[in-house]
């Protein structure tokens, strides 16, 4: 049972990327799903979360630029990242939790690398 991230890559500052989080072996729809990121030498940061009911939360660093959505048909969660900045460079991972903001988090994926650079 694991989450699998995809969609990372190299993008220029100001560009956009959409990350996807899919489940392997279970259904996502009963869980809240959080996106985290960790840059080299920095602590892991929760970027955004979407509840099983669709409610969303965002870190201040993501507000106004990132959008988290659920695709219940494909059983996936997407993180659309716009107006990317070099400081958004990090490994992005998703994790499942019962309710946004309340741990513990589980089913961590391997992560996907995002590099924002010209």
Protein backbone atom coordinates (compact mmCIF):
# COMPACT_ATOMS: atom_id res chain seq x y z
CA UNK A 1 0.00 0.00 0.00
CA UNK A 2 1.65 3.17 -1.20
CA UNK A 3 1.10 6.51 -2.82
CA UNK A 4 2.84 7.25 -6.10
CA UNK A 5 3.74 10.78 -7.17
CA UNK A 6 4.37 11.97 -10.71
CA UNK A 7 4.67 15.15 -12.71
CA UNK A 8 7.85 16.67 -11.39
CA UNK A 9 10.53 18.13 -13.59
CA UNK A 10 12.50 21.19 -14.55
CA UNK A 11 10.60 24.41 -15.12
CA UNK A 12 11.60 28.04 -15.55
CA UNK A 13 10.67 30.64 -12.96
CA UNK A 14 7.12 31.80 -13.55
CA UNK A 15 6.16 28.51 -15.12
CA UNK A 16 3.67 25.87 -14.03
CA UNK A 17 3.67 22.19 -13.17
CA UNK A 18 0.95 19.82 -12.08
CA UNK A 19 1.86 17.01 -9.72
CA UNK A 20 -0.28 13.92 -9.32
CA UNK A 21 -0.67 11.53 -6.40
CA UNK A 22 -2.23 8.13 -7.04
CA UNK A 23 -2.82 5.17 -4.76
CA UNK A 24 -1.45 1.69 -5.18
CA UNK A 25 -3.55 -0.93 -3.47
CA UNK A 26 -6.24 1.19 -1.85
CA UNK A 27 -8.75 3.96 -2.58
CA UNK A 28 -7.86 7.58 -1.98
CA UNK A 29 -11.37 8.87 -1.58
CA UNK A 30 -11.71 8.01 2.12
CA UNK A 31 -8.52 9.86 3.07
CA UNK A 32 -7.37 13.42 3.25
CA UNK A 33 -4.25 13.80 1.12
CA UNK A 34 -1.43 16.18 1.92
CA UNK A 35 1.42 17.39 -0.25
CA UNK A 36 4.74 17.98 1.45
CA UNK A 37 8.02 19.27 0.12
CA UNK A 38 11.57 19.14 1.33
CA UNK A 39 14.43 21.16 -0.07
CA UNK A 40 18.08 20.26 0.59
CA UNK A 41 19.10 21.36 4.07
CA UNK A 42 15.57 22.39 5.01
CA UNK A 43 12.82 20.83 7.07
CA UNK A 44 9.89 19.14 5.41
CA UNK A 45 7.00 21.55 4.86
CA UNK A 46 3.34 20.73 4.36
CA UNK A 47 2.27 22.63 1.27
CA UNK A 48 -1.39 21.77 0.93
CA UNK A 49 -4.05 19.31 1.99
CA UNK A 50 -7.43 18.25 0.65
CA UNK A 51 -9.97 16.49 2.81
CA UNK A 52 -12.16 13.60 1.78
CA UNK A 53 -14.97 16.16 1.59
CA UNK A 54 -12.96 18.45 -0.68
CA UNK A 55 -12.01 21.08 1.86
CA UNK A 56 -8.54 22.49 1.25
CA UNK A 57 -5.73 24.07 3.21
CA UNK A 58 -2.58 25.81 1.97
CA UNK A 59 0.68 26.94 3.47
CA UNK A 60 1.25 30.68 3.20
CA UNK A 61 3.98 29.96 0.66
CA UNK A 62 1.43 28.25 -1.60
CA UNK A 63 -1.61 30.49 -1.22
CA UNK A 64 -2.63 32.15 -4.44
CA UNK A 65 -0.25 30.06 -6.54
CA UNK A 66 -1.02 26.38 -5.89
CA UNK A 67 -4.33 24.60 -6.32
CA UNK A 68 -5.06 21.15 -4.90
CA UNK A 69 -7.87 19.07 -6.38
CA UNK A 70 -9.28 15.58 -6.23
CA UNK A 71 -10.11 13.46 -9.25
CA UNK A 72 -12.48 10.85 -7.91
CA UNK A 73 -12.85 9.20 -11.31
CA UNK A 74 -9.14 8.53 -11.58
CA UNK A 75 -8.76 8.25 -7.80
CA UNK A 76 -5.97 10.79 -7.73
CA UNK A 77 -5.06 14.11 -6.13
CA UNK A 78 -3.39 16.84 -8.16
CA UNK A 79 -1.34 19.83 -7.12
CA UNK A 80 -1.30 22.54 -9.76
CA UNK A 81 1.62 24.86 -9.14
CA UNK A 82 1.67 28.23 -10.89
CA UNK A 83 4.05 31.18 -10.84
CA UNK A 84 6.82 28.91 -9.68
CA UNK A 85 9.84 30.39 -7.95
CA UNK A 86 13.35 29.02 -7.44
CA UNK A 87 12.51 28.57 -3.77
CA UNK A 88 9.82 26.05 -4.76
CA UNK A 89 12.60 23.68 -5.75
CA UNK A 90 12.22 20.55 -3.62
CA UNK A 91 11.20 16.92 -3.56
CA UNK A 92 7.42 16.83 -3.35
CA UNK A 93 5.71 13.90 -1.63
CA UNK A 94 2.12 13.05 -0.83
CA UNK A 95 0.77 11.28 2.20
CA UNK A 96 -2.60 10.13 3.50
CA UNK A 97 -4.18 11.24 6.73
CA UNK A 98 -7.62 10.91 8.27
CA UNK A 99 -8.21 14.66 8.58
CA UNK A 100 -6.12 17.56 7.29
CA UNK A 101 -3.89 18.86 10.02
CA UNK A 102 -4.22 15.79 12.23
CA UNK A 103 -1.58 13.11 11.97
CA UNK A 104 -0.30 10.54 11.73
CA UNK A 105 0.45 10.59 8.02
CA UNK A 106 0.89 7.33 6.16
CA UNK A 107 1.37 5.62 2.83
CA UNK A 108 4.17 8.03 1.90
CA UNK A 109 5.27 7.98 -1.71
CA UNK A 110 8.85 8.16 -2.98
CA UNK A 111 8.49 11.76 -4.04
CA UNK A 112 8.96 13.65 -7.27
CA UNK A 113 11.65 16.25 -7.87
CA UNK A 114 10.70 19.78 -8.86
CA UNK A 115 13.45 22.12 -10.01
CA UNK A 116 12.68 25.73 -10.77
CA UNK A 117 15.58 27.28 -12.58
CA UNK A 118 16.41 29.32 -15.63
